[in-house]
Amino acid sequence: MPNQFDPYREALVVEQHTVWPDAYEDWSAEDRGRVETLLHATPADAAELDYVRQHSGFARVITVTDEDVERVAAT
């Protein structure tokens, strides 16, 4: 179950990861990179956000959804 946006954990994010569903496997690295950049720029808006505890802080993990792609495509 994804977490909600958490300003405390967000301040301690040291890594960013993006999980892509199989439906987007044919996207180019450039297109994926653009979407990833936009999603991680506004993590509070991501549909599926998770924080993974690490020794040095947290890793932010965003799982891409169709809703996310539609939202950032309008940007």
Protein backbone atom coordinates (compact mmCIF):
# COMPACT_ATOMS: atom_id res chain seq x y z
CA MET A 1 0.00 0.00 0.00
CA PRO A 2 1.51 3.34 -1.02
CA ASN A 3 2.22 6.01 1.52
CA GLN A 4 0.89 9.52 1.44
CA PHE A 5 3.21 12.45 0.85
CA ASP A 6 5.18 13.11 4.03
CA PRO A 7 7.13 16.39 4.32
CA TYR A 8 9.37 14.95 7.05
CA ARG A 9 10.44 11.91 5.02
CA GLU A 10 10.57 14.03 1.87
CA ALA A 11 13.21 16.24 3.50
CA LEU A 12 15.31 13.10 4.06
CA VAL A 13 15.05 11.65 0.52
CA VAL A 14 18.50 10.64 -0.75
CA GLU A 15 17.43 8.49 -3.72
CA GLN A 16 14.64 8.57 -6.29
CA HIS A 17 13.28 5.50 -8.06
CA THR A 18 10.56 5.09 -10.66
CA VAL A 19 8.69 1.85 -11.29
CA TRP A 20 7.27 1.55 -14.80
CA PRO A 21 4.41 -0.85 -15.64
CA ASP A 22 4.87 -3.17 -18.64
CA ALA A 23 2.43 -1.05 -20.65
CA TYR A 24 5.16 1.58 -21.04
CA GLU A 25 8.03 -0.73 -22.03
CA ASP A 26 8.02 0.60 -25.60
CA TRP A 27 8.61 4.20 -24.48
CA SER A 28 12.00 5.68 -25.29
CA ALA A 29 14.49 6.46 -22.53
CA GLU A 30 14.06 10.15 -23.34
CA ASP A 31 10.27 10.03 -22.88
CA ARG A 32 10.60 8.06 -19.65
CA GLY A 33 13.21 10.48 -18.35
CA ARG A 34 10.99 13.48 -19.05
CA VAL A 35 8.03 11.90 -17.21
CA GLU A 36 10.23 10.77 -14.31
CA THR A 37 11.62 14.28 -13.89
CA LEU A 38 8.14 15.78 -13.81
CA LEU A 39 6.79 13.15 -11.40
CA HIS A 40 9.66 13.52 -8.93
CA ALA A 41 9.42 17.33 -9.12
CA THR A 42 5.92 17.12 -7.60
CA PRO A 43 5.84 13.90 -5.55
CA ALA A 44 2.78 15.00 -3.58
CA ASP A 45 0.73 14.66 -6.76
CA ALA A 46 1.87 11.10 -7.56
CA ALA A 47 -0.86 8.47 -7.44
CA GLU A 48 1.43 5.78 -6.00
CA LEU A 49 4.17 7.10 -3.75
CA ASP A 50 6.22 5.09 -1.32
CA TYR A 51 9.17 5.83 0.97
CA VAL A 52 11.74 3.14 1.65
CA ARG A 53 13.84 3.58 4.78
CA GLN A 54 17.60 3.44 4.24
CA HIS A 55 20.55 3.92 6.55
CA SER A 56 21.19 7.42 5.26
CA GLY A 57 17.57 8.58 4.78
CA PHE A 58 14.74 7.54 2.49
CA ALA A 59 14.34 6.47 -1.11
CA ARG A 60 11.28 7.93 -2.83
CA VAL A 61 9.62 5.35 -5.08
CA ILE A 62 6.95 6.46 -7.53
CA THR A 63 5.04 3.81 -9.47
CA VAL A 64 3.86 5.34 -12.73
CA THR A 65 0.11 5.19 -13.39
CA ASP A 66 -1.96 6.23 -16.39
CA GLU A 67 -3.32 9.06 -14.25
CA ASP A 68 0.22 10.34 -13.63
CA VAL A 69 1.11 10.22 -17.32
CA GLU A 70 -2.04 12.14 -18.28
CA ARG A 71 -1.35 14.76 -15.59
CA VAL A 72 2.24 15.45 -16.60
CA ALA A 73 1.44 15.26 -20.33
CA ALA A 74 -0.65 18.39 -19.82
CA THR A 75 2.44 20.16 -18.46
